[in-house]
């Protein structure tokens, strides 16, 4: 009887540990929920980020590289966009755009809810 009780207790502790390790992201999301949903996060980037992509690109790569690469805009969002909540009010948004000078590109952005900070962290063109 005592062996069964120890086995049951040990099994319960292992199961609890597994659930806690797998659920860390879930716990973070629950304890720091977003005030936005995916569609809203994407809309913010498409409205407040994409039209000003040259400014964000310059901020990311620096003035010298920006001058060497030339103007990107105007830019039009296209295709399927995705937003992923990272917890603690931080979003990662990715989506394709079409540019007049660079063609089709994939953009990756971050959005911080606390201060509405938008940052272009990836810009890859065909």
Protein backbone atom coordinates (compact mmCIF):
# COMPACT_ATOMS: atom_id res chain seq x y z
CA UNK A 1 0.00 0.00 0.00
CA UNK A 2 2.78 2.41 0.89
CA UNK A 3 4.64 1.69 -2.37
CA UNK A 4 1.49 2.45 -4.36
CA UNK A 5 1.06 5.76 -2.54
CA UNK A 6 4.67 6.77 -3.26
CA UNK A 7 4.29 5.76 -6.90
CA UNK A 8 1.06 7.74 -7.20
CA UNK A 9 2.64 10.80 -5.56
CA UNK A 10 5.75 10.58 -7.76
CA UNK A 11 3.62 10.18 -10.90
CA UNK A 12 1.54 13.21 -9.91
CA UNK A 13 4.64 15.34 -9.35
CA UNK A 14 6.14 14.33 -12.70
CA UNK A 15 2.84 15.11 -14.47
CA UNK A 16 2.65 18.48 -12.74
CA UNK A 17 6.22 19.29 -13.75
CA UNK A 18 5.53 18.39 -17.37
CA UNK A 19 2.37 20.52 -17.43
CA UNK A 20 4.22 23.47 -15.91
CA UNK A 21 7.10 23.24 -18.37
CA UNK A 22 4.82 22.92 -21.39
CA UNK A 23 2.48 25.60 -20.16
CA UNK A 24 5.03 28.34 -19.42
CA UNK A 25 4.03 30.30 -22.50
CA UNK A 26 0.36 29.80 -21.65
CA UNK A 27 0.95 31.02 -18.10
CA UNK A 28 2.79 34.11 -19.38
CA UNK A 29 -0.03 34.85 -21.80
CA UNK A 30 -2.63 34.47 -19.07
CA UNK A 31 -0.73 36.60 -16.56
CA UNK A 32 0.06 39.36 -19.08
CA UNK A 33 -2.77 39.34 -21.61
CA UNK A 34 -2.71 41.61 -24.63
CA UNK A 35 -5.12 44.47 -25.06
CA UNK A 36 -5.06 43.75 -28.83
CA UNK A 37 -6.08 40.79 -30.92
CA UNK A 38 -4.13 39.49 -33.97
CA UNK A 39 -6.17 41.47 -36.51
CA UNK A 40 -5.68 44.71 -34.57
CA UNK A 41 -1.92 44.19 -34.27
CA UNK A 42 -1.67 43.55 -38.03
CA UNK A 43 -3.81 46.60 -38.80
CA UNK A 44 -1.57 48.84 -36.69
CA UNK A 45 1.51 47.72 -38.61
CA UNK A 46 -0.21 48.03 -42.00
CA UNK A 47 -1.46 51.55 -41.17
CA UNK A 48 1.30 53.01 -39.00
CA UNK A 49 4.30 51.00 -40.18
CA UNK A 50 4.14 50.00 -43.83
CA UNK A 51 3.49 53.48 -45.30
CA UNK A 52 6.56 54.78 -43.42
CA UNK A 53 8.81 51.82 -44.18
CA UNK A 54 11.68 54.04 -45.34
CA UNK A 55 11.87 55.67 -41.90
CA UNK A 56 11.76 52.33 -40.11
CA UNK A 57 14.33 50.81 -42.49
CA UNK A 58 16.70 53.74 -41.94
CA UNK A 59 16.29 53.32 -38.18
CA UNK A 60 17.13 49.61 -38.49
CA UNK A 61 20.15 49.71 -40.83
CA UNK A 62 21.52 53.19 -40.18
CA UNK A 63 21.81 56.28 -42.35
CA UNK A 64 24.83 55.13 -44.38
CA UNK A 65 23.36 51.80 -45.51
CA UNK A 66 19.99 53.41 -46.12
CA UNK A 67 21.56 56.03 -48.42
CA UNK A 68 23.45 53.29 -50.30
CA UNK A 69 20.34 51.14 -50.80
CA UNK A 70 17.96 53.88 -51.95
CA UNK A 71 14.30 54.59 -51.27
CA UNK A 72 12.01 51.61 -50.74
CA UNK A 73 8.55 53.19 -50.85
CA UNK A 74 5.83 53.40 -51.82
CA UNK A 75 4.88 50.04 -50.35
CA UNK A 76 1.62 48.09 -50.46
CA UNK A 77 0.74 45.28 -48.02
CA UNK A 78 -0.20 42.08 -49.86
CA UNK A 79 -1.00 38.47 -49.10
CA UNK A 80 -1.45 36.80 -45.76
CA UNK A 81 -0.15 38.51 -42.62
CA UNK A 82 0.45 36.84 -39.25
CA UNK A 83 0.70 38.25 -35.74
CA UNK A 84 2.11 36.38 -32.75
CA UNK A 85 1.75 37.61 -29.20
CA UNK A 86 5.06 37.21 -27.37
CA UNK A 87 3.74 38.07 -23.90
CA UNK A 88 4.16 41.17 -21.76
CA UNK A 89 2.56 43.41 -24.38
CA UNK A 90 4.97 42.51 -27.18
CA UNK A 91 3.94 41.42 -30.66
CA UNK A 92 5.80 40.04 -33.68
CA UNK A 93 4.02 40.69 -36.98
CA UNK A 94 5.09 39.36 -40.38
CA UNK A 95 3.68 39.99 -43.82
CA UNK A 96 4.47 40.45 -47.49
CA UNK A 97 4.60 43.79 -49.26
CA UNK A 98 5.08 44.93 -52.84
CA UNK A 99 7.41 47.82 -53.52
CA UNK A 100 7.88 49.83 -56.72
CA UNK A 101 11.67 49.68 -56.56
CA UNK A 102 12.48 46.41 -54.74
CA UNK A 103 9.64 44.14 -55.88
CA UNK A 104 8.03 41.61 -53.52
CA UNK A 105 9.41 41.59 -49.98
CA UNK A 106 8.69 39.94 -46.64
CA UNK A 107 8.62 42.26 -43.64
CA UNK A 108 8.91 41.41 -39.96
CA UNK A 109 7.94 43.94 -37.31
CA UNK A 110 7.69 44.22 -33.56
CA UNK A 111 5.00 46.17 -31.74
CA UNK A 112 5.24 47.09 -28.07
CA UNK A 113 1.85 47.91 -26.56
CA UNK A 114 3.18 49.84 -23.57
CA UNK A 115 4.41 52.76 -25.67
CA UNK A 116 3.17 51.83 -29.19
CA UNK A 117 6.79 51.38 -30.33
CA UNK A 118 6.98 49.88 -33.83
CA UNK A 119 10.23 48.47 -35.17
CA UNK A 120 11.08 46.90 -38.51
CA UNK A 121 13.31 43.92 -37.70
CA UNK A 122 13.28 42.08 -41.04
CA UNK A 123 13.10 43.15 -44.67
CA UNK A 124 13.82 40.43 -47.23
CA UNK A 125 13.20 40.82 -50.95
CA UNK A 126 13.28 38.33 -53.83
